[in-house]
Amino acid sequence: MCRNIRQLHNFEPPATPEEVQAAALQYVRKVSGSTRPSQRNQAAFDAAVAAVATATAELLDHLETAAPPKDREVEAAKARARAAQRYAS
């Protein structure tokens, strides 16, 4: 139904508002069980996405870590290598 929600904390550069919004949308889709709400439920769905995005952005702003930031390209390469190994024939 939807992609996996990806980690957004402790990356350089930091997560963009678009990434936070996409994660919120994926979360609400997963929890609601639908990728497209009915017209009757559209307002509730949109409000939930906005609330989750706001909470996520606030969380990311307040999290602290002593670990150095991760590089997006390096982490993406690791994920591709894991996928290649997992799906190798």
C-alpha atoms as a PDB file:
ATOM      1  CA  MET A   1       0.000   0.000   0.000  1.00  0.00           C
ATOM      2  CA  CYS A   2       2.710   2.512   0.891  1.00  0.00           C
ATOM      3  CA  ARG A   3       6.443   2.894   1.036  1.00  0.00           C
ATOM      4  CA  ASN A   4       8.366   2.407   4.223  1.00  0.00           C
ATOM      5  CA  ILE A   5       8.661   5.473   6.384  1.00  0.00           C
ATOM      6  CA  ARG A   6      12.321   6.419   6.465  1.00  0.00           C
ATOM      7  CA  GLN A   7      14.416   7.788   9.304  1.00  0.00           C
ATOM      8  CA  LEU A   8      14.629  11.581   9.136  1.00  0.00           C
ATOM      9  CA  HIS A   9      16.735  12.376  12.207  1.00  0.00           C
ATOM     10  CA  ASN A  10      20.460  13.106  12.222  1.00  0.00           C
ATOM     11  CA  PHE A  11      21.129  13.558   8.526  1.00  0.00           C
ATOM     12  CA  GLU A  12      23.197  16.177   6.784  1.00  0.00           C
ATOM     13  CA  PRO A  13      21.541  18.102   5.249  1.00  0.00           C
ATOM     14  CA  PRO A  14      18.547  17.945   7.627  1.00  0.00           C
ATOM     15  CA  ALA A  15      15.166  16.626   6.527  1.00  0.00           C
ATOM     16  CA  THR A  16      13.270  19.006   4.303  1.00  0.00           C
ATOM     17  CA  PRO A  17       9.648  20.033   4.919  1.00  0.00           C
ATOM     18  CA  GLU A  18       8.732  17.939   1.865  1.00  0.00           C
ATOM     19  CA  GLU A  19      10.314  14.835   3.426  1.00  0.00           C
ATOM     20  CA  VAL A  20       8.476  15.464   6.697  1.00  0.00           C
ATOM     21  CA  GLN A  21       5.195  15.904   4.791  1.00  0.00           C
ATOM     22  CA  ALA A  22       5.793  12.703   2.798  1.00  0.00           C
ATOM     23  CA  ALA A  23       6.496  10.746   5.986  1.00  0.00           C
ATOM     24  CA  ALA A  24       3.336  12.133   7.591  1.00  0.00           C
ATOM     25  CA  LEU A  25       1.294  11.168   4.542  1.00  0.00           C
ATOM     26  CA  GLN A  26       2.707   7.643   4.576  1.00  0.00           C
ATOM     27  CA  TYR A  27       1.981   7.290   8.280  1.00  0.00           C
ATOM     28  CA  VAL A  28      -1.636   8.424   7.915  1.00  0.00           C
ATOM     29  CA  ARG A  29      -2.112   6.155   4.894  1.00  0.00           C
ATOM     30  CA  LYS A  30      -0.802   3.185   6.852  1.00  0.00           C
ATOM     31  CA  VAL A  31      -2.862   3.899   9.967  1.00  0.00           C
ATOM     32  CA  SER A  32      -6.067   4.646   8.052  1.00  0.00           C
ATOM     33  CA  GLY A  33      -5.654   1.683   5.730  1.00  0.00           C
ATOM     34  CA  SER A  34      -6.272   3.686   2.585  1.00  0.00           C
ATOM     35  CA  THR A  35      -4.110   5.497   0.084  1.00  0.00           C
ATOM     36  CA  ARG A  36      -6.969   7.724  -1.035  1.00  0.00           C
ATOM     37  CA  PRO A  37      -9.711   8.631   1.413  1.00  0.00           C
ATOM     38  CA  SER A  38     -13.302   8.995   0.322  1.00  0.00           C
ATOM     39  CA  GLN A  39     -14.641  12.505  -0.196  1.00  0.00           C
ATOM     40  CA  ARG A  40     -16.427  12.163   3.114  1.00  0.00           C
ATOM     41  CA  ASN A  41     -13.140  11.456   4.917  1.00  0.00           C
ATOM     42  CA  GLN A  42     -10.842  13.800   2.954  1.00  0.00           C
ATOM     43  CA  ALA A  43     -10.949  16.653   5.490  1.00  0.00           C
ATOM     44  CA  ALA A  44     -10.146  14.332   8.417  1.00  0.00           C
ATOM     45  CA  PHE A  45      -7.350  12.695   6.403  1.00  0.00           C
ATOM     46  CA  ASP A  46      -5.810  16.064   5.460  1.00  0.00           C
ATOM     47  CA  ALA A  47      -6.066  17.334   9.050  1.00  0.00           C
ATOM     48  CA  ALA A  48      -4.340  14.191  10.309  1.00  0.00           C
ATOM     49  CA  VAL A  49      -1.508  14.570   7.784  1.00  0.00           C
ATOM     50  CA  ALA A  50      -1.021  18.204   8.836  1.00  0.00           C
ATOM     51  CA  ALA A  51      -1.024  17.289  12.543  1.00  0.00           C
ATOM     52  CA  VAL A  52       1.462  14.447  12.071  1.00  0.00           C
ATOM     53  CA  ALA A  53       3.732  16.649   9.929  1.00  0.00           C
ATOM     54  CA  THR A  54       3.695  19.366  12.593  1.00  0.00           C
ATOM     55  CA  ALA A  55       4.442  16.877  15.367  1.00  0.00           C
ATOM     56  CA  THR A  56       7.219  15.284  13.307  1.00  0.00           C
ATOM     57  CA  ALA A  57       8.862  18.620  12.537  1.00  0.00           C
ATOM     58  CA  GLU A  58       8.683  19.598  16.216  1.00  0.00           C
ATOM     59  CA  LEU A  59      10.172  16.261  17.249  1.00  0.00           C
ATOM     60  CA  LEU A  60      13.054  16.578  14.776  1.00  0.00           C
ATOM     61  CA  ASP A  61      13.739  20.138  15.965  1.00  0.00           C
ATOM     62  CA  HIS A  62      14.033  19.009  19.590  1.00  0.00           C
ATOM     63  CA  LEU A  63      15.964  15.742  19.248  1.00  0.00           C
ATOM     64  CA  GLU A  64      19.610  15.859  20.301  1.00  0.00           C
ATOM     65  CA  THR A  65      22.390  13.391  19.605  1.00  0.00           C
ATOM     66  CA  ALA A  66      26.106  13.103  20.167  1.00  0.00           C
ATOM     67  CA  ALA A  67      26.511  11.001  17.015  1.00  0.00           C
ATOM     68  CA  PRO A  68      27.845  12.696  13.905  1.00  0.00           C
ATOM     69  CA  PRO A  69      25.250  13.357  11.182  1.00  0.00           C
ATOM     70  CA  LYS A  70      24.797  10.632   8.591  1.00  0.00           C
ATOM     71  CA  ASP A  71      25.453  11.274   4.925  1.00  0.00           C
ATOM     72  CA  ARG A  72      22.353  10.675   2.802  1.00  0.00           C
ATOM     73  CA  GLU A  73      24.293   9.301  -0.157  1.00  0.00           C
ATOM     74  CA  VAL A  74      26.261   6.841   1.972  1.00  0.00           C
ATOM     75  CA  GLU A  75      23.094   5.601   3.696  1.00  0.00           C
ATOM     76  CA  ALA A  76      21.307   5.271   0.332  1.00  0.00           C
ATOM     77  CA  ALA A  77      24.220   3.217  -1.028  1.00  0.00           C
ATOM     78  CA  LYS A  78      24.067   0.931   2.021  1.00  0.00           C
ATOM     79  CA  ALA A  79      20.322   0.452   1.496  1.00  0.00           C
ATOM     80  CA  ARG A  80      20.837  -0.383  -2.184  1.00  0.00           C
ATOM     81  CA  ALA A  81      23.516  -2.932  -1.265  1.00  0.00           C
ATOM     82  CA  ARG A  82      21.202  -4.557   1.307  1.00  0.00           C
ATOM     83  CA  ALA A  83      18.385  -4.688  -1.250  1.00  0.00           C
ATOM     84  CA  ALA A  84      20.654  -6.190  -3.891  1.00  0.00           C
ATOM     85  CA  GLN A  85      21.761  -8.871  -1.468  1.00  0.00           C
ATOM     86  CA  ARG A  86      18.212  -9.546  -0.299  1.00  0.00           C
ATOM     87  CA  TYR A  87      16.796  -9.882  -3.805  1.00  0.00           C
ATOM     88  CA  ALA A  88      19.747 -11.623  -5.435  1.00  0.00           C
ATOM     89  CA  SER A  89      18.719 -14.768  -7.307  1.00  0.00           C
END
